[in-house]
Amino acid sequence: MKIITISDTHTKHNQIPLEWLEPADMIIHAGDISSMGSLREIENFCYWFDKLDQYDWKIFIAGNHDWGFQNNYEGAMEIVRSYKTIKYLQDSSVVCDGVKIYGSPWQPEFHNWAFNLKRGAEIQEKWDMIPLDTDILITHGPAYGRGDFVPGSRGGYVGCENLLDTIATKVKPKVHIAGHIHCGHGESHAGNTHFINAATLNEQYIVAYPPIIFEI
């Protein structure tokens, strides 16, 4: 199965070069489809996502900008459900040709944005929900030390330690896909897991990074 990954498009999905969106079996978006998560922004993204006919499966999660999925879940899901080709995951999973994919939008507290939880026990409750037989894990925020480095005196590694421990010692997915930290775009490997930060925009919110593609 060939999978293409993007994230953090922030309403600029239409600016992604068409040649970057090469045919594959599946496309996964790891959150922040919008600027502030209005229903209009969600509709605009879903309309675009639905038209990507080069993919059999189209899966996405929310991110910290996608307020609509936290504050108006039913309204947001009414839009998503109107597009039969799209699957949205929020602490839930889907199986595609035997590959189990689980998605969750939460991340450690980050200013006053959506899907924020305190580090430690509070966010661990969400990671404990991840099925142990998950093949591909999608979270908006990265695991600690994996595509999460922010340069500067106020930066450093900002990913979730609890998530890293859950991945490394419990779930051990084949692939973990995240975004959130735009400058963390890239991939690495540790243990059994292929880590991907699929951010599409750079820190200036300009389309800068091509999708990361892998096979499973």
N, C-alpha and C. Protein backbone atom coordinates (compact mmCIF):
# COMPACT_ATOMS: atom_id res chain seq x y z
N MET A 1 0.84 -1.19 0.00
CA MET A 1 0.00 0.00 0.00
C MET A 1 0.88 1.25 0.00
N LYS A 2 0.66 2.12 -0.97
CA LYS A 2 1.41 3.37 -1.07
C LYS A 2 0.59 4.49 -0.46
N ILE A 3 1.21 5.25 0.44
CA ILE A 3 0.50 6.28 1.20
C ILE A 3 1.25 7.61 1.09
N ILE A 4 0.51 8.68 0.84
CA ILE A 4 1.07 10.03 0.75
C ILE A 4 0.56 10.84 1.94
N THR A 5 1.44 11.61 2.57
CA THR A 5 1.08 12.31 3.80
C THR A 5 1.32 13.82 3.67
N ILE A 6 0.35 14.59 4.17
CA ILE A 6 0.45 16.05 4.25
C ILE A 6 -0.09 16.48 5.60
N SER A 7 0.14 17.74 5.96
CA SER A 7 -0.38 18.25 7.23
C SER A 7 -0.25 19.76 7.26
N ASP A 8 -0.98 20.40 8.15
CA ASP A 8 -0.83 21.84 8.41
C ASP A 8 -0.90 22.65 7.11
N THR A 9 -2.00 22.50 6.41
CA THR A 9 -2.20 23.26 5.16
C THR A 9 -2.92 24.58 5.41
N HIS A 10 -3.63 24.72 6.53
CA HIS A 10 -4.18 26.00 6.98
C HIS A 10 -4.91 26.78 5.87
N THR A 11 -5.84 26.13 5.21
CA THR A 11 -6.68 26.68 4.12
C THR A 11 -5.91 26.84 2.80
N LYS A 12 -4.63 26.48 2.76
CA LYS A 12 -3.84 26.67 1.54
C LYS A 12 -3.64 25.38 0.75
N HIS A 13 -4.56 24.44 0.94
CA HIS A 13 -4.46 23.16 0.23
C HIS A 13 -4.47 23.35 -1.29
N ASN A 14 -5.21 24.35 -1.77
CA ASN A 14 -5.27 24.59 -3.22
C ASN A 14 -3.94 25.07 -3.80
N GLN A 15 -3.03 25.48 -2.93
CA GLN A 15 -1.72 25.95 -3.40
C GLN A 15 -0.68 24.84 -3.51
N ILE A 16 -1.04 23.64 -3.08
CA ILE A 16 -0.11 22.52 -3.20
C ILE A 16 0.07 22.18 -4.68
N PRO A 17 1.29 22.17 -5.20
CA PRO A 17 1.49 21.83 -6.62
C PRO A 17 0.91 20.46 -6.96
N LEU A 18 0.20 20.40 -8.06
CA LEU A 18 -0.46 19.15 -8.45
C LEU A 18 0.53 18.01 -8.63
N GLU A 19 1.75 18.35 -9.07
CA GLU A 19 2.74 17.28 -9.28
C GLU A 19 3.20 16.67 -7.97
N TRP A 20 2.98 17.37 -6.85
CA TRP A 20 3.30 16.78 -5.55
C TRP A 20 2.30 15.71 -5.15
N LEU A 21 1.09 15.82 -5.65
CA LEU A 21 0.01 14.92 -5.24
C LEU A 21 -0.06 13.74 -6.19
N GLU A 22 1.00 12.96 -6.19
CA GLU A 22 1.07 11.84 -7.12
C GLU A 22 0.12 10.72 -6.70
N PRO A 23 -0.28 9.89 -7.64
CA PRO A 23 -1.22 8.81 -7.33
C PRO A 23 -0.67 7.87 -6.26
N ALA A 24 -1.55 7.42 -5.39
CA ALA A 24 -1.22 6.45 -4.35
C ALA A 24 -2.51 5.76 -3.93
N ASP A 25 -2.40 4.81 -3.03
CA ASP A 25 -3.60 4.13 -2.53
C ASP A 25 -4.34 4.99 -1.52
N MET A 26 -3.60 5.81 -0.78
CA MET A 26 -4.20 6.56 0.32
C MET A 26 -3.50 7.91 0.50
N ILE A 27 -4.27 8.91 0.92
CA ILE A 27 -3.70 10.18 1.36
C ILE A 27 -4.15 10.42 2.80
N ILE A 28 -3.21 10.85 3.64
CA ILE A 28 -3.48 11.13 5.05
C ILE A 28 -3.09 12.57 5.34
N HIS A 29 -3.99 13.31 5.99
CA HIS A 29 -3.73 14.68 6.43
C HIS A 29 -3.74 14.68 7.95
N ALA A 30 -2.64 15.17 8.55
CA ALA A 30 -2.47 15.05 10.00
C ALA A 30 -2.90 16.31 10.78
N GLY A 31 -3.87 17.04 10.25
CA GLY A 31 -4.49 18.11 11.03
C GLY A 31 -4.06 19.52 10.67
N ASP A 32 -4.82 20.48 11.19
CA ASP A 32 -4.72 21.91 10.83
C ASP A 32 -5.05 22.10 9.36
N ILE A 33 -6.27 21.69 9.03
CA ILE A 33 -6.77 21.92 7.67
C ILE A 33 -7.20 23.37 7.48
N SER A 34 -7.38 24.09 8.60
CA SER A 34 -8.04 25.39 8.56
C SER A 34 -7.20 26.46 9.25
N SER A 35 -7.76 27.66 9.27
CA SER A 35 -7.15 28.76 10.00
C SER A 35 -7.71 28.84 11.42
N MET A 36 -9.07 28.83 11.52
CA MET A 36 -9.73 28.88 12.82
C MET A 36 -10.83 27.84 12.96
N GLY A 37 -10.97 26.97 11.96
CA GLY A 37 -11.91 25.87 12.09
C GLY A 37 -13.36 26.23 11.87
N SER A 38 -13.64 27.27 11.11
CA SER A 38 -15.04 27.60 10.81
C SER A 38 -15.64 26.52 9.92
N LEU A 39 -16.96 26.41 9.94
CA LEU A 39 -17.62 25.41 9.10
C LEU A 39 -17.35 25.69 7.63
N ARG A 40 -17.23 26.95 7.27
CA ARG A 40 -16.92 27.28 5.88
C ARG A 40 -15.54 26.76 5.49
N GLU A 41 -14.58 26.90 6.38
CA GLU A 41 -13.23 26.38 6.09
C GLU A 41 -13.24 24.86 6.01
N ILE A 42 -13.99 24.21 6.88
CA ILE A 42 -14.08 22.75 6.84
C ILE A 42 -14.72 22.29 5.54
N GLU A 43 -15.78 22.96 5.14
CA GLU A 43 -16.44 22.64 3.88
C GLU A 43 -15.49 22.80 2.70
N ASN A 44 -14.74 23.89 2.70
CA ASN A 44 -13.80 24.16 1.61
C ASN A 44 -12.74 23.07 1.51
N PHE A 45 -12.21 22.65 2.66
CA PHE A 45 -11.20 21.58 2.65
C PHE A 45 -11.81 20.27 2.17
N CYS A 46 -12.96 19.90 2.69
CA CYS A 46 -13.57 18.62 2.33
C CYS A 46 -13.92 18.56 0.85
N TYR A 47 -14.35 19.67 0.29
CA TYR A 47 -14.65 19.73 -1.15
C TYR A 47 -13.39 19.42 -1.95
N TRP A 48 -12.28 20.03 -1.56
CA TRP A 48 -11.01 19.79 -2.24
C TRP A 48 -10.54 18.35 -2.04
N PHE A 49 -10.58 17.88 -0.81
CA PHE A 49 -10.11 16.53 -0.46
C PHE A 49 -10.89 15.47 -1.23
N ASP A 50 -12.19 15.67 -1.32
CA ASP A 50 -13.07 14.73 -2.01
C ASP A 50 -12.72 14.60 -3.50
N LYS A 51 -12.22 15.68 -4.09
CA LYS A 51 -11.93 15.68 -5.52
C LYS A 51 -10.61 15.02 -5.88
N LEU A 52 -9.84 14.58 -4.90
CA LEU A 52 -8.55 13.93 -5.17
C LEU A 52 -8.79 12.47 -5.56
N ASP A 53 -9.19 12.28 -6.80
CA ASP A 53 -9.61 10.96 -7.26
C ASP A 53 -8.46 9.97 -7.43
N GLN A 54 -7.22 10.44 -7.27
CA GLN A 54 -6.07 9.54 -7.42
C GLN A 54 -5.83 8.69 -6.19
N TYR A 55 -6.71 8.81 -5.17
CA TYR A 55 -6.56 8.03 -3.94
C TYR A 55 -7.84 7.26 -3.63
N ASP A 56 -7.67 5.99 -3.25
CA ASP A 56 -8.83 5.18 -2.87
C ASP A 56 -9.34 5.55 -1.49
N TRP A 57 -8.42 5.92 -0.59
CA TRP A 57 -8.79 6.30 0.77
C TRP A 57 -8.25 7.70 1.07
N LYS A 58 -9.09 8.51 1.73
CA LYS A 58 -8.72 9.87 2.11
C LYS A 58 -9.07 10.04 3.59
N ILE A 59 -8.04 10.15 4.40
CA ILE A 59 -8.21 10.16 5.85
C ILE A 59 -7.59 11.43 6.42
N PHE A 60 -8.28 12.05 7.39
CA PHE A 60 -7.69 13.21 8.06
C PHE A 60 -8.11 13.28 9.51
N ILE A 61 -7.34 14.04 10.29
CA ILE A 61 -7.68 14.34 11.67
C ILE A 61 -7.70 15.86 11.83
N ALA A 62 -8.16 16.33 12.97
CA ALA A 62 -8.13 17.76 13.27
C ALA A 62 -6.81 18.12 13.95
N GLY A 63 -6.55 19.44 13.99
CA GLY A 63 -5.38 19.95 14.70
C GLY A 63 -5.78 21.10 15.60
N ASN A 64 -4.80 21.77 16.17
CA ASN A 64 -5.11 22.80 17.16
C ASN A 64 -5.78 24.04 16.56
N HIS A 65 -5.75 24.22 15.25
CA HIS A 65 -6.47 25.33 14.62
C HIS A 65 -7.91 24.95 14.25
N ASP A 66 -8.22 23.69 14.27
CA ASP A 66 -9.50 23.21 13.72
C ASP A 66 -10.59 23.20 14.80
N TRP A 67 -10.92 24.40 15.29
CA TRP A 67 -11.85 24.56 16.41
C TRP A 67 -13.21 23.93 16.14
N GLY A 68 -13.63 23.91 14.90
CA GLY A 68 -14.97 23.40 14.60
C GLY A 68 -15.19 21.98 15.08
N PHE A 69 -14.15 21.16 15.06
CA PHE A 69 -14.29 19.76 15.48
C PHE A 69 -14.34 19.61 17.00
N GLN A 70 -13.93 20.64 17.73
CA GLN A 70 -14.04 20.60 19.19
C GLN A 70 -15.29 21.33 19.68
N ASN A 71 -15.57 22.49 19.12
CA ASN A 71 -16.68 23.31 19.62
C ASN A 71 -18.01 23.05 18.93
N ASN A 72 -17.98 22.50 17.73
CA ASN A 72 -19.22 22.23 16.99
C ASN A 72 -19.06 20.91 16.25
N TYR A 73 -18.83 19.85 17.01
CA TYR A 73 -18.51 18.55 16.42
C TYR A 73 -19.60 18.07 15.47
N GLU A 74 -20.84 18.16 15.87
CA GLU A 74 -21.92 17.66 15.02
C GLU A 74 -22.03 18.47 13.73
N GLY A 75 -21.86 19.78 13.83
CA GLY A 75 -21.88 20.60 12.64
C GLY A 75 -20.75 20.27 11.69
N ALA A 76 -19.56 20.06 12.24
CA ALA A 76 -18.41 19.70 11.42
C ALA A 76 -18.60 18.32 10.79
N MET A 77 -19.11 17.38 11.58
CA MET A 77 -19.28 16.02 11.06
C MET A 77 -20.40 15.93 10.03
N GLU A 78 -21.38 16.79 10.12
CA GLU A 78 -22.42 16.82 9.09
C GLU A 78 -21.80 17.13 7.73
N ILE A 79 -20.82 18.02 7.73
CA ILE A 79 -20.11 18.33 6.49
C ILE A 79 -19.29 17.14 6.03
N VAL A 80 -18.51 16.57 6.93
CA VAL A 80 -17.65 15.44 6.56
C VAL A 80 -18.46 14.28 6.01
N ARG A 81 -19.57 13.96 6.67
CA ARG A 81 -20.38 12.80 6.26
C ARG A 81 -21.02 13.00 4.89
N SER A 82 -21.14 14.25 4.45
CA SER A 82 -21.74 14.50 3.14
C SER A 82 -20.79 14.12 2.00
N TYR A 83 -19.53 13.87 2.35
CA TYR A 83 -18.55 13.43 1.36
C TYR A 83 -18.21 11.97 1.63
N LYS A 84 -18.71 11.09 0.81
CA LYS A 84 -18.63 9.65 1.08
C LYS A 84 -17.22 9.09 0.93
N THR A 85 -16.31 9.84 0.29
CA THR A 85 -14.96 9.31 0.06
C THR A 85 -14.01 9.64 1.20
N ILE A 86 -14.46 10.43 2.18
CA ILE A 86 -13.57 10.96 3.21
C ILE A 86 -13.85 10.28 4.56
N LYS A 87 -12.78 10.00 5.29
CA LYS A 87 -12.91 9.46 6.64
C LYS A 87 -12.18 10.36 7.63
N TYR A 88 -12.92 10.86 8.63
CA TYR A 88 -12.33 11.67 9.69
C TYR A 88 -12.17 10.81 10.94
N LEU A 89 -11.01 10.90 11.57
CA LEU A 89 -10.73 10.13 12.78
C LEU A 89 -10.52 11.06 13.97
N GLN A 90 -11.24 10.80 15.05
CA GLN A 90 -11.05 11.54 16.30
C GLN A 90 -11.15 10.55 17.44
N ASP A 91 -10.00 10.10 17.90
CA ASP A 91 -9.92 9.03 18.89
C ASP A 91 -10.68 7.80 18.38
N SER A 92 -10.43 7.48 17.13
CA SER A 92 -11.12 6.37 16.48
C SER A 92 -10.23 5.77 15.41
N SER A 93 -10.64 4.64 14.88
CA SER A 93 -9.81 3.93 13.91
C SER A 93 -10.62 3.46 12.72
N VAL A 94 -9.90 3.10 11.67
CA VAL A 94 -10.49 2.53 10.47
C VAL A 94 -9.51 1.49 9.94
N VAL A 95 -10.04 0.45 9.32
CA VAL A 95 -9.20 -0.59 8.73
C VAL A 95 -9.35 -0.52 7.22
N CYS A 96 -8.24 -0.37 6.52
CA CYS A 96 -8.22 -0.30 5.06
C CYS A 96 -7.34 -1.42 4.53
N ASP A 97 -7.94 -2.38 3.86
CA ASP A 97 -7.20 -3.53 3.31
C ASP A 97 -6.31 -4.18 4.36
N GLY A 98 -6.85 -4.33 5.55
CA GLY A 98 -6.13 -5.01 6.62
C GLY A 98 -5.18 -4.14 7.40
N VAL A 99 -5.03 -2.86 7.02
CA VAL A 99 -4.15 -1.94 7.73
C VAL A 99 -4.99 -1.11 8.69
N LYS A 100 -4.68 -1.18 9.99
CA LYS A 100 -5.46 -0.47 11.00
C LYS A 100 -4.84 0.90 11.26
N ILE A 101 -5.66 1.95 11.11
CA ILE A 101 -5.21 3.33 11.23
C ILE A 101 -6.01 3.99 12.35
N TYR A 102 -5.31 4.63 13.28
CA TYR A 102 -5.95 5.30 14.41
C TYR A 102 -5.54 6.76 14.38
N GLY A 103 -6.51 7.66 14.62
CA GLY A 103 -6.22 9.08 14.59
C GLY A 103 -6.70 9.79 15.84
N SER A 104 -5.90 10.78 16.30
CA SER A 104 -6.24 11.56 17.49
C SER A 104 -5.70 12.98 17.33
N PRO A 105 -6.51 14.00 17.64
CA PRO A 105 -6.10 15.38 17.41
C PRO A 105 -5.37 16.06 18.57
N TRP A 106 -5.22 15.38 19.70
CA TRP A 106 -4.75 16.06 20.91
C TRP A 106 -3.25 16.32 20.89
N GLN A 107 -2.85 17.36 21.65
CA GLN A 107 -1.43 17.62 21.85
C GLN A 107 -1.25 18.31 23.21
N PRO A 108 -0.01 18.29 23.74
CA PRO A 108 0.23 19.01 25.00
C PRO A 108 -0.12 20.48 24.86
N GLU A 109 -0.49 21.10 25.95
CA GLU A 109 -0.93 22.49 25.95
C GLU A 109 -0.03 23.37 25.09
N PHE A 110 -0.66 24.11 24.18
CA PHE A 110 0.06 24.97 23.24
C PHE A 110 -0.71 26.26 23.09
N HIS A 111 -0.33 27.28 23.88
CA HIS A 111 -1.06 28.54 23.92
C HIS A 111 -2.54 28.25 24.20
N ASN A 112 -3.44 28.99 23.60
CA ASN A 112 -4.86 28.81 23.89
C ASN A 112 -5.58 28.29 22.65
N TRP A 113 -5.14 27.10 22.20
CA TRP A 113 -5.70 26.55 20.97
C TRP A 113 -6.58 25.32 21.27
N ALA A 114 -7.12 24.75 20.22
CA ALA A 114 -8.02 23.60 20.36
C ALA A 114 -7.24 22.33 20.69
N PHE A 115 -7.95 21.38 21.26
CA PHE A 115 -7.43 20.04 21.55
C PHE A 115 -6.16 20.07 22.39
N ASN A 116 -6.13 20.96 23.37
CA ASN A 116 -5.02 21.08 24.31
C ASN A 116 -5.29 20.25 25.57
N LEU A 117 -4.28 19.55 26.02
CA LEU A 117 -4.37 18.83 27.29
C LEU A 117 -3.07 19.00 28.05
N LYS A 118 -3.14 18.92 29.36
CA LYS A 118 -1.95 19.03 30.18
C LYS A 118 -1.06 17.81 29.98
N ARG A 119 0.25 18.06 30.00
CA ARG A 119 1.20 16.95 29.94
C ARG A 119 1.04 16.05 31.16
N GLY A 120 1.36 14.79 31.01
CA GLY A 120 1.25 13.87 32.12
C GLY A 120 -0.02 13.06 32.07
N ALA A 121 -0.68 12.90 33.21
CA ALA A 121 -1.82 12.00 33.33
C ALA A 121 -2.97 12.38 32.42
N GLU A 122 -3.22 13.69 32.24
CA GLU A 122 -4.37 14.11 31.45
C GLU A 122 -4.24 13.67 29.99
N ILE A 123 -3.10 13.93 29.38
CA ILE A 123 -2.96 13.54 27.98
C ILE A 123 -2.74 12.03 27.84
N GLN A 124 -2.18 11.41 28.87
CA GLN A 124 -1.97 9.96 28.81
C GLN A 124 -3.28 9.21 28.69
N GLU A 125 -4.35 9.77 29.24
CA GLU A 125 -5.66 9.12 29.10
C GLU A 125 -6.04 8.96 27.63
N LYS A 126 -5.67 9.93 26.80
CA LYS A 126 -5.96 9.83 25.36
C LYS A 126 -5.06 8.79 24.71
N TRP A 127 -3.79 8.77 25.09
CA TRP A 127 -2.89 7.79 24.46
C TRP A 127 -3.21 6.37 24.90
N ASP A 128 -3.80 6.21 26.07
CA ASP A 128 -4.19 4.87 26.51
C ASP A 128 -5.34 4.31 25.69
N MET A 129 -6.01 5.17 24.93
CA MET A 129 -7.12 4.72 24.08
C MET A 129 -6.64 4.11 22.76
N ILE A 130 -5.36 4.30 22.44
CA ILE A 130 -4.86 3.81 21.15
C ILE A 130 -4.82 2.28 21.16
N PRO A 131 -5.48 1.62 20.22
CA PRO A 131 -5.46 0.14 20.19
C PRO A 131 -4.03 -0.37 19.99
N LEU A 132 -3.71 -1.47 20.67
CA LEU A 132 -2.36 -2.01 20.60
C LEU A 132 -2.04 -2.62 19.24
N ASP A 133 -3.07 -2.89 18.43
CA ASP A 133 -2.83 -3.48 17.10
C ASP A 133 -2.85 -2.42 15.99
N THR A 134 -2.62 -1.17 16.37
CA THR A 134 -2.59 -0.08 15.39
C THR A 134 -1.35 -0.21 14.51
N ASP A 135 -1.55 -0.14 13.19
CA ASP A 135 -0.43 -0.16 12.24
C ASP A 135 0.08 1.24 11.94
N ILE A 136 -0.85 2.17 11.72
CA ILE A 136 -0.50 3.56 11.44
C ILE A 136 -1.19 4.45 12.46
N LEU A 137 -0.41 5.20 13.20
CA LEU A 137 -0.94 6.14 14.20
C LEU A 137 -0.80 7.56 13.67
N ILE A 138 -1.91 8.32 13.71
CA ILE A 138 -1.89 9.72 13.30
C ILE A 138 -2.23 10.56 14.53
N THR A 139 -1.36 11.47 14.90
CA THR A 139 -1.67 12.46 15.92
C THR A 139 -1.24 13.82 15.37
N HIS A 140 -1.90 14.88 15.80
CA HIS A 140 -1.50 16.17 15.26
C HIS A 140 -0.12 16.58 15.79
N GLY A 141 0.09 16.45 17.07
CA GLY A 141 1.38 16.79 17.66
C GLY A 141 2.35 15.64 17.57
N PRO A 142 3.63 15.94 17.39
CA PRO A 142 4.63 14.87 17.30
C PRO A 142 5.01 14.30 18.66
N ALA A 143 5.64 13.15 18.64
CA ALA A 143 6.23 12.58 19.84
C ALA A 143 7.52 13.32 20.17
N TYR A 144 7.90 13.28 21.41
CA TYR A 144 9.11 13.98 21.86
C TYR A 144 10.33 13.49 21.09
N GLY A 145 11.09 14.46 20.53
CA GLY A 145 12.32 14.12 19.83
C GLY A 145 12.14 13.65 18.41
N ARG A 146 10.91 13.70 17.90
CA ARG A 146 10.62 13.19 16.56
C ARG A 146 9.90 14.27 15.75
N GLY A 147 10.67 15.09 15.05
CA GLY A 147 10.07 16.14 14.23
C GLY A 147 9.44 17.25 15.06
N ASP A 148 10.01 17.51 16.22
CA ASP A 148 9.38 18.47 17.16
C ASP A 148 10.34 19.57 17.59
N PHE A 149 11.50 19.71 16.95
CA PHE A 149 12.48 20.69 17.41
C PHE A 149 12.16 22.07 16.87
N VAL A 150 12.09 23.03 17.79
CA VAL A 150 11.86 24.43 17.44
C VAL A 150 13.13 25.20 17.79
N PRO A 151 13.78 25.84 16.80
CA PRO A 151 15.01 26.58 17.09
C PRO A 151 14.75 27.85 17.89
N GLY A 152 15.80 28.37 18.51
CA GLY A 152 15.67 29.61 19.26
C GLY A 152 15.72 29.39 20.75
N SER A 153 15.91 30.47 21.48
CA SER A 153 16.07 30.39 22.94
C SER A 153 14.82 29.91 23.65
N ARG A 154 13.66 30.11 23.04
CA ARG A 154 12.41 29.68 23.67
C ARG A 154 11.88 28.38 23.05
N GLY A 155 12.70 27.76 22.23
CA GLY A 155 12.29 26.54 21.54
C GLY A 155 12.79 25.29 22.22
N GLY A 156 13.37 24.41 21.42
CA GLY A 156 13.81 23.11 21.92
C GLY A 156 12.87 22.02 21.44
N TYR A 157 12.97 20.86 22.05
CA TYR A 157 12.09 19.73 21.70
C TYR A 157 10.77 19.91 22.44
N VAL A 158 9.69 20.04 21.69
CA VAL A 158 8.40 20.39 22.29
C VAL A 158 7.35 19.29 22.16
N GLY A 159 7.75 18.13 21.63
CA GLY A 159 6.80 17.03 21.46
C GLY A 159 6.38 16.41 22.78
N CYS A 160 5.52 15.42 22.69
CA CYS A 160 4.92 14.81 23.87
C CYS A 160 5.71 13.59 24.35
N GLU A 161 6.23 13.69 25.57
CA GLU A 161 6.97 12.57 26.15
C GLU A 161 6.07 11.37 26.38
N ASN A 162 4.84 11.61 26.83
CA ASN A 162 3.91 10.50 27.07
C ASN A 162 3.61 9.75 25.78
N LEU A 163 3.47 10.50 24.69
CA LEU A 163 3.19 9.86 23.40
C LEU A 163 4.38 9.02 22.96
N LEU A 164 5.59 9.53 23.11
CA LEU A 164 6.77 8.77 22.73
C LEU A 164 6.85 7.46 23.51
N ASP A 165 6.60 7.54 24.82
CA ASP A 165 6.66 6.33 25.65
C ASP A 165 5.58 5.33 25.23
N THR A 166 4.38 5.83 24.93
CA THR A 166 3.29 4.94 24.50
C THR A 166 3.63 4.25 23.19
N ILE A 167 4.21 4.98 22.27
CA ILE A 167 4.60 4.41 20.99
C ILE A 167 5.70 3.37 21.17
N ALA A 168 6.71 3.71 21.95
CA ALA A 168 7.91 2.88 22.07
C ALA A 168 7.69 1.62 22.88
N THR A 169 6.84 1.70 23.93
CA THR A 169 6.73 0.57 24.86
C THR A 169 5.42 -0.19 24.78
N LYS A 170 4.39 0.41 24.15
CA LYS A 170 3.09 -0.24 24.17
C LYS A 170 2.55 -0.54 22.76
N VAL A 171 2.29 0.51 22.00
CA VAL A 171 1.61 0.33 20.71
C VAL A 171 2.55 -0.16 19.62
N LYS A 172 3.74 0.43 19.53
CA LYS A 172 4.75 0.07 18.55
C LYS A 172 4.19 0.03 17.12
N PRO A 173 3.56 1.10 16.68
CA PRO A 173 3.01 1.11 15.32
C PRO A 173 4.12 1.06 14.28
N LYS A 174 3.78 0.62 13.09
CA LYS A 174 4.75 0.63 12.00
C LYS A 174 5.10 2.06 11.60
N VAL A 175 4.08 2.94 11.65
CA VAL A 175 4.27 4.32 11.22
C VAL A 175 3.54 5.25 12.19
N HIS A 176 4.18 6.37 12.53
CA HIS A 176 3.52 7.44 13.28
C HIS A 176 3.61 8.71 12.44
N ILE A 177 2.44 9.31 12.13
CA ILE A 177 2.36 10.52 11.31
C ILE A 177 1.87 11.66 12.18
N ALA A 178 2.55 12.80 12.11
CA ALA A 178 2.15 14.00 12.85
C ALA A 178 2.43 15.23 11.99
N GLY A 179 2.26 16.39 12.61
CA GLY A 179 2.53 17.67 11.96
C GLY A 179 2.78 18.68 13.04
N HIS A 180 1.99 19.77 13.05
CA HIS A 180 1.96 20.76 14.14
C HIS A 180 3.21 21.66 14.16
N ILE A 181 4.40 21.06 14.22
CA ILE A 181 5.64 21.83 14.24
C ILE A 181 6.14 21.93 12.79
N HIS A 182 5.82 23.05 12.15
CA HIS A 182 6.08 23.18 10.72
C HIS A 182 7.55 22.95 10.39
N CYS A 183 8.45 23.52 11.18
CA CYS A 183 9.87 23.40 10.88
C CYS A 183 10.41 22.00 11.18
N GLY A 184 9.58 21.12 11.74
CA GLY A 184 9.99 19.76 12.03
C GLY A 184 9.76 18.79 10.89
N HIS A 185 9.33 19.28 9.74
CA HIS A 185 9.05 18.42 8.58
C HIS A 185 10.22 17.48 8.32
N GLY A 186 9.87 16.20 8.13
CA GLY A 186 10.90 15.20 7.84
C GLY A 186 10.51 13.84 8.40
N GLU A 187 11.46 12.92 8.39
CA GLU A 187 11.17 11.56 8.85
C GLU A 187 12.39 10.96 9.54
N SER A 188 12.13 9.99 10.39
CA SER A 188 13.18 9.29 11.11
C SER A 188 12.66 7.92 11.50
N HIS A 189 13.54 7.09 12.03
CA HIS A 189 13.15 5.74 12.46
C HIS A 189 13.69 5.48 13.86
N ALA A 190 12.92 4.77 14.65
CA ALA A 190 13.36 4.33 15.97
C ALA A 190 12.59 3.08 16.34
N GLY A 191 13.30 2.05 16.76
CA GLY A 191 12.63 0.80 17.08
C GLY A 191 11.91 0.24 15.88
N ASN A 192 10.62 -0.07 16.07
CA ASN A 192 9.81 -0.62 14.98
C ASN A 192 9.07 0.45 14.20
N THR A 193 9.27 1.72 14.54
CA THR A 193 8.38 2.77 14.04
C THR A 193 9.09 3.75 13.11
N HIS A 194 8.40 4.07 12.02
CA HIS A 194 8.81 5.11 11.06
C HIS A 194 8.06 6.38 11.46
N PHE A 195 8.79 7.40 11.90
CA PHE A 195 8.19 8.65 12.34
C PHE A 195 8.19 9.67 11.20
N ILE A 196 7.04 10.32 10.99
CA ILE A 196 6.89 11.30 9.92
C ILE A 196 6.28 12.58 10.48
N ASN A 197 6.91 13.71 10.20
CA ASN A 197 6.26 15.01 10.38
C ASN A 197 5.94 15.50 8.98
N ALA A 198 4.67 15.55 8.65
CA ALA A 198 4.21 15.78 7.28
C ALA A 198 3.80 17.23 7.01
N ALA A 199 4.25 18.18 7.86
CA ALA A 199 3.86 19.58 7.69
C ALA A 199 4.13 20.05 6.26
N THR A 200 3.18 20.79 5.71
CA THR A 200 3.27 21.27 4.33
C THR A 200 3.72 22.73 4.27
N LEU A 201 3.29 23.54 5.23
CA LEU A 201 3.67 24.95 5.26
C LEU A 201 4.90 25.14 6.15
N ASN A 202 5.68 26.18 5.83
CA ASN A 202 6.80 26.51 6.71
C ASN A 202 6.34 27.46 7.82
N GLU A 203 7.26 28.00 8.57
CA GLU A 203 6.91 28.87 9.69
C GLU A 203 6.25 30.17 9.23
N GLN A 204 6.46 30.55 7.99
CA GLN A 204 5.83 31.75 7.43
C GLN A 204 4.50 31.44 6.76
N TYR A 205 4.02 30.22 6.95
CA TYR A 205 2.73 29.76 6.39
C TYR A 205 2.74 29.83 4.85
N ILE A 206 3.86 29.44 4.29
CA ILE A 206 4.02 29.32 2.84
C ILE A 206 4.18 27.86 2.50
N VAL A 207 3.51 27.40 1.44
CA VAL A 207 3.66 26.02 0.99
C VAL A 207 5.12 25.78 0.63
N ALA A 208 5.79 24.91 1.37
CA ALA A 208 7.24 24.76 1.22
C ALA A 208 7.70 23.32 1.17
N TYR A 209 6.97 22.41 1.81
CA TYR A 209 7.47 21.04 1.96
C TYR A 209 6.60 20.05 1.19
N PRO A 210 7.20 19.24 0.33
CA PRO A 210 6.42 18.25 -0.42
C PRO A 210 5.91 17.15 0.49
N PRO A 211 4.88 16.44 0.07
CA PRO A 211 4.38 15.32 0.87
C PRO A 211 5.45 14.28 1.09
N ILE A 212 5.34 13.56 2.19
CA ILE A 212 6.21 12.41 2.46
C ILE A 212 5.42 11.15 2.10
N ILE A 213 6.05 10.30 1.31
CA ILE A 213 5.39 9.11 0.78
C ILE A 213 6.08 7.87 1.33
N PHE A 214 5.30 6.88 1.69
CA PHE A 214 5.87 5.62 2.16
C PHE A 214 4.98 4.46 1.72
N GLU A 215 5.51 3.26 1.87
CA GLU A 215 4.74 2.05 1.56
C GLU A 215 4.67 1.18 2.81
N ILE A 216 3.55 0.51 2.96
CA ILE A 216 3.37 -0.39 4.09
C ILE A 216 2.79 -1.70 3.59
